[in-house]
Amino acid sequence: MALAAVLLAIPILVLLWVPHYAKEDPKLFGFPFFFWYQFLWVFLCSALTYTAFRLTLSARGKTTHKVGEDR
């Protein structure tokens, strides 16, 4: 469960560190670094969230999740 918390904290901490990515260069397909870096994190964050979800399910002893199922 601690690993799941770390995985969820990574995007929060990285994106709060604004001076790291508040720049224009390097550009990718004409887009400044600021924009494409944040867009990249949309996909990275969803992958980290899914991984944390699967880790939580396996820690609870479940391998599948059904709609409306709490436990």
N, C-alpha and C. Protein backbone atom coordinates (compact mmCIF):
# COMPACT_ATOMS: atom_id res chain seq x y z
N MET A 1 0.82 -1.20 0.00
CA MET A 1 0.00 0.00 0.00
C MET A 1 0.86 1.25 0.00
N ALA A 2 2.03 1.19 0.63
CA ALA A 2 2.91 2.35 0.65
C ALA A 2 3.44 2.65 -0.75
N LEU A 3 3.69 1.60 -1.53
CA LEU A 3 4.16 1.81 -2.90
C LEU A 3 3.08 2.49 -3.74
N ALA A 4 1.83 2.13 -3.52
CA ALA A 4 0.73 2.77 -4.23
C ALA A 4 0.67 4.26 -3.89
N ALA A 5 0.89 4.60 -2.64
CA ALA A 5 0.89 6.01 -2.24
C ALA A 5 2.03 6.77 -2.89
N VAL A 6 3.17 6.14 -2.99
CA VAL A 6 4.33 6.78 -3.65
C VAL A 6 4.04 6.99 -5.13
N LEU A 7 3.44 5.99 -5.78
CA LEU A 7 3.10 6.13 -7.19
C LEU A 7 2.11 7.25 -7.43
N LEU A 8 1.19 7.46 -6.51
CA LEU A 8 0.22 8.54 -6.65
C LEU A 8 0.83 9.91 -6.34
N ALA A 9 1.85 9.93 -5.50
CA ALA A 9 2.49 11.19 -5.13
C ALA A 9 3.47 11.70 -6.18
N ILE A 10 4.00 10.81 -7.00
CA ILE A 10 5.01 11.21 -8.00
C ILE A 10 4.50 12.32 -8.93
N PRO A 11 3.36 12.15 -9.60
CA PRO A 11 2.92 13.22 -10.51
C PRO A 11 2.60 14.52 -9.78
N ILE A 12 2.08 14.42 -8.58
CA ILE A 12 1.77 15.63 -7.82
C ILE A 12 3.03 16.41 -7.53
N LEU A 13 4.04 15.73 -7.04
CA LEU A 13 5.28 16.42 -6.69
C LEU A 13 6.01 16.96 -7.92
N VAL A 14 6.04 16.17 -8.97
CA VAL A 14 6.75 16.61 -10.19
C VAL A 14 6.07 17.83 -10.80
N LEU A 15 4.75 17.83 -10.86
CA LEU A 15 4.05 18.95 -11.49
C LEU A 15 3.97 20.18 -10.59
N LEU A 16 4.19 20.02 -9.30
CA LEU A 16 4.26 21.19 -8.42
C LEU A 16 5.61 21.90 -8.52
N TRP A 17 6.60 21.23 -9.09
CA TRP A 17 7.93 21.79 -9.25
C TRP A 17 7.98 22.55 -10.58
N VAL A 18 7.28 23.67 -10.65
CA VAL A 18 7.08 24.43 -11.88
C VAL A 18 8.38 24.94 -12.51
N PRO A 19 9.36 25.46 -11.77
CA PRO A 19 10.57 25.95 -12.44
C PRO A 19 11.29 24.90 -13.28
N HIS A 20 11.04 23.64 -12.99
CA HIS A 20 11.66 22.55 -13.75
C HIS A 20 11.19 22.53 -15.20
N TYR A 21 9.91 22.86 -15.44
CA TYR A 21 9.37 22.73 -16.79
C TYR A 21 8.81 24.04 -17.35
N ALA A 22 8.98 25.16 -16.67
CA ALA A 22 8.47 26.44 -17.15
C ALA A 22 9.48 27.08 -18.10
N LYS A 23 9.59 26.49 -19.29
CA LYS A 23 10.51 27.00 -20.31
C LYS A 23 9.96 26.66 -21.69
N GLU A 24 10.53 27.27 -22.69
CA GLU A 24 10.05 27.05 -24.06
C GLU A 24 10.81 25.96 -24.80
N ASP A 25 12.09 25.85 -24.54
CA ASP A 25 12.92 24.89 -25.27
C ASP A 25 13.14 23.64 -24.46
N PRO A 26 13.20 22.48 -25.01
CA PRO A 26 13.12 22.14 -26.42
C PRO A 26 11.68 22.08 -26.91
N LYS A 27 11.48 22.40 -28.15
CA LYS A 27 10.15 22.34 -28.75
C LYS A 27 9.95 20.99 -29.41
N LEU A 28 8.71 20.53 -29.38
CA LEU A 28 8.36 19.24 -30.00
C LEU A 28 7.18 19.50 -30.93
N PHE A 29 7.38 19.33 -32.23
CA PHE A 29 6.36 19.61 -33.24
C PHE A 29 5.84 21.04 -33.14
N GLY A 30 6.71 21.96 -32.77
CA GLY A 30 6.33 23.37 -32.65
C GLY A 30 5.73 23.76 -31.32
N PHE A 31 5.50 22.81 -30.44
CA PHE A 31 4.93 23.11 -29.14
C PHE A 31 6.04 23.34 -28.12
N PRO A 32 5.94 24.40 -27.32
CA PRO A 32 6.95 24.64 -26.29
C PRO A 32 6.98 23.51 -25.27
N PHE A 33 8.13 23.36 -24.64
CA PHE A 33 8.34 22.31 -23.65
C PHE A 33 7.25 22.31 -22.59
N PHE A 34 6.85 23.47 -22.11
CA PHE A 34 5.85 23.58 -21.05
C PHE A 34 4.58 22.80 -21.39
N PHE A 35 4.11 22.93 -22.62
CA PHE A 35 2.84 22.30 -23.00
C PHE A 35 2.98 20.80 -23.22
N TRP A 36 3.99 20.39 -23.99
CA TRP A 36 4.07 18.96 -24.26
C TRP A 36 4.52 18.17 -23.04
N TYR A 37 5.25 18.78 -22.13
CA TYR A 37 5.65 18.10 -20.90
C TYR A 37 4.42 17.81 -20.02
N GLN A 38 3.54 18.81 -19.89
CA GLN A 38 2.33 18.60 -19.10
C GLN A 38 1.40 17.57 -19.76
N PHE A 39 1.32 17.61 -21.09
CA PHE A 39 0.49 16.64 -21.79
C PHE A 39 1.04 15.23 -21.64
N LEU A 40 2.34 15.09 -21.64
CA LEU A 40 2.97 13.78 -21.40
C LEU A 40 2.58 13.24 -20.03
N TRP A 41 2.49 14.12 -19.05
CA TRP A 41 2.14 13.69 -17.70
C TRP A 41 0.69 13.22 -17.58
N VAL A 42 -0.17 13.60 -18.51
CA VAL A 42 -1.54 13.07 -18.51
C VAL A 42 -1.48 11.55 -18.67
N PHE A 43 -0.66 11.07 -19.61
CA PHE A 43 -0.54 9.64 -19.84
C PHE A 43 0.25 8.95 -18.73
N LEU A 44 1.32 9.59 -18.27
CA LEU A 44 2.11 9.01 -17.18
C LEU A 44 1.29 8.89 -15.90
N CYS A 45 0.52 9.92 -15.61
CA CYS A 45 -0.31 9.91 -14.40
C CYS A 45 -1.37 8.80 -14.47
N SER A 46 -1.98 8.63 -15.63
CA SER A 46 -2.98 7.57 -15.74
C SER A 46 -2.34 6.19 -15.58
N ALA A 47 -1.13 6.00 -16.10
CA ALA A 47 -0.44 4.72 -15.94
C ALA A 47 -0.06 4.49 -14.47
N LEU A 48 0.41 5.52 -13.81
CA LEU A 48 0.76 5.38 -12.39
C LEU A 48 -0.47 5.13 -11.53
N THR A 49 -1.58 5.80 -11.85
CA THR A 49 -2.82 5.59 -11.10
C THR A 49 -3.34 4.17 -11.29
N TYR A 50 -3.30 3.67 -12.52
CA TYR A 50 -3.74 2.29 -12.77
C TYR A 50 -2.85 1.29 -12.04
N THR A 51 -1.55 1.53 -12.05
CA THR A 51 -0.63 0.63 -11.34
C THR A 51 -0.91 0.65 -9.84
N ALA A 52 -1.15 1.82 -9.28
CA ALA A 52 -1.47 1.92 -7.85
C ALA A 52 -2.78 1.19 -7.54
N PHE A 53 -3.75 1.32 -8.44
CA PHE A 53 -5.02 0.62 -8.28
C PHE A 53 -4.84 -0.89 -8.27
N ARG A 54 -4.05 -1.40 -9.21
CA ARG A 54 -3.81 -2.85 -9.26
C ARG A 54 -3.04 -3.33 -8.04
N LEU A 55 -2.08 -2.54 -7.58
CA LEU A 55 -1.35 -2.91 -6.36
C LEU A 55 -2.26 -2.96 -5.15
N THR A 56 -3.17 -2.01 -5.07
CA THR A 56 -4.12 -1.98 -3.95
C THR A 56 -5.05 -3.19 -4.00
N LEU A 57 -5.52 -3.52 -5.19
CA LEU A 57 -6.38 -4.70 -5.30
C LEU A 57 -5.65 -5.97 -4.91
N SER A 58 -4.40 -6.10 -5.35
CA SER A 58 -3.67 -7.32 -5.02
C SER A 58 -3.32 -7.38 -3.53
N ALA A 59 -3.11 -6.22 -2.92
CA ALA A 59 -2.83 -6.20 -1.48
C ALA A 59 -4.06 -6.60 -0.68
N ARG A 60 -5.22 -6.34 -1.22
CA ARG A 60 -6.47 -6.72 -0.55
C ARG A 60 -6.87 -8.16 -0.88
N GLY A 61 -6.10 -8.81 -1.74
CA GLY A 61 -6.38 -10.20 -2.07
C GLY A 61 -7.35 -10.38 -3.20
N LYS A 62 -7.59 -9.33 -3.99
CA LYS A 62 -8.50 -9.43 -5.12
C LYS A 62 -7.70 -9.35 -6.40
N THR A 63 -8.14 -10.12 -7.38
CA THR A 63 -7.50 -10.03 -8.68
C THR A 63 -8.39 -9.38 -9.72
N THR A 64 -9.68 -9.31 -9.42
CA THR A 64 -10.61 -8.63 -10.33
C THR A 64 -11.47 -7.66 -9.54
N HIS A 65 -12.05 -6.74 -10.23
CA HIS A 65 -12.92 -5.75 -9.61
C HIS A 65 -14.23 -5.69 -10.39
N LYS A 66 -15.34 -5.89 -9.69
CA LYS A 66 -16.63 -5.85 -10.32
C LYS A 66 -17.30 -4.52 -10.02
N VAL A 67 -18.13 -4.06 -10.94
CA VAL A 67 -18.82 -2.78 -10.78
C VAL A 67 -19.74 -2.85 -9.57
N GLY A 68 -19.65 -1.84 -8.71
CA GLY A 68 -20.47 -1.76 -7.52
C GLY A 68 -19.95 -2.55 -6.35
N GLU A 69 -18.82 -3.19 -6.51
CA GLU A 69 -18.24 -4.02 -5.44
C GLU A 69 -17.31 -3.16 -4.58
N ASP A 70 -17.57 -3.11 -3.30
CA ASP A 70 -16.73 -2.32 -2.39
C ASP A 70 -15.60 -3.14 -1.82
N ARG A 71 -15.86 -4.35 -1.46
CA ARG A 71 -14.84 -5.18 -0.80
C ARG A 71 -14.55 -6.43 -1.54
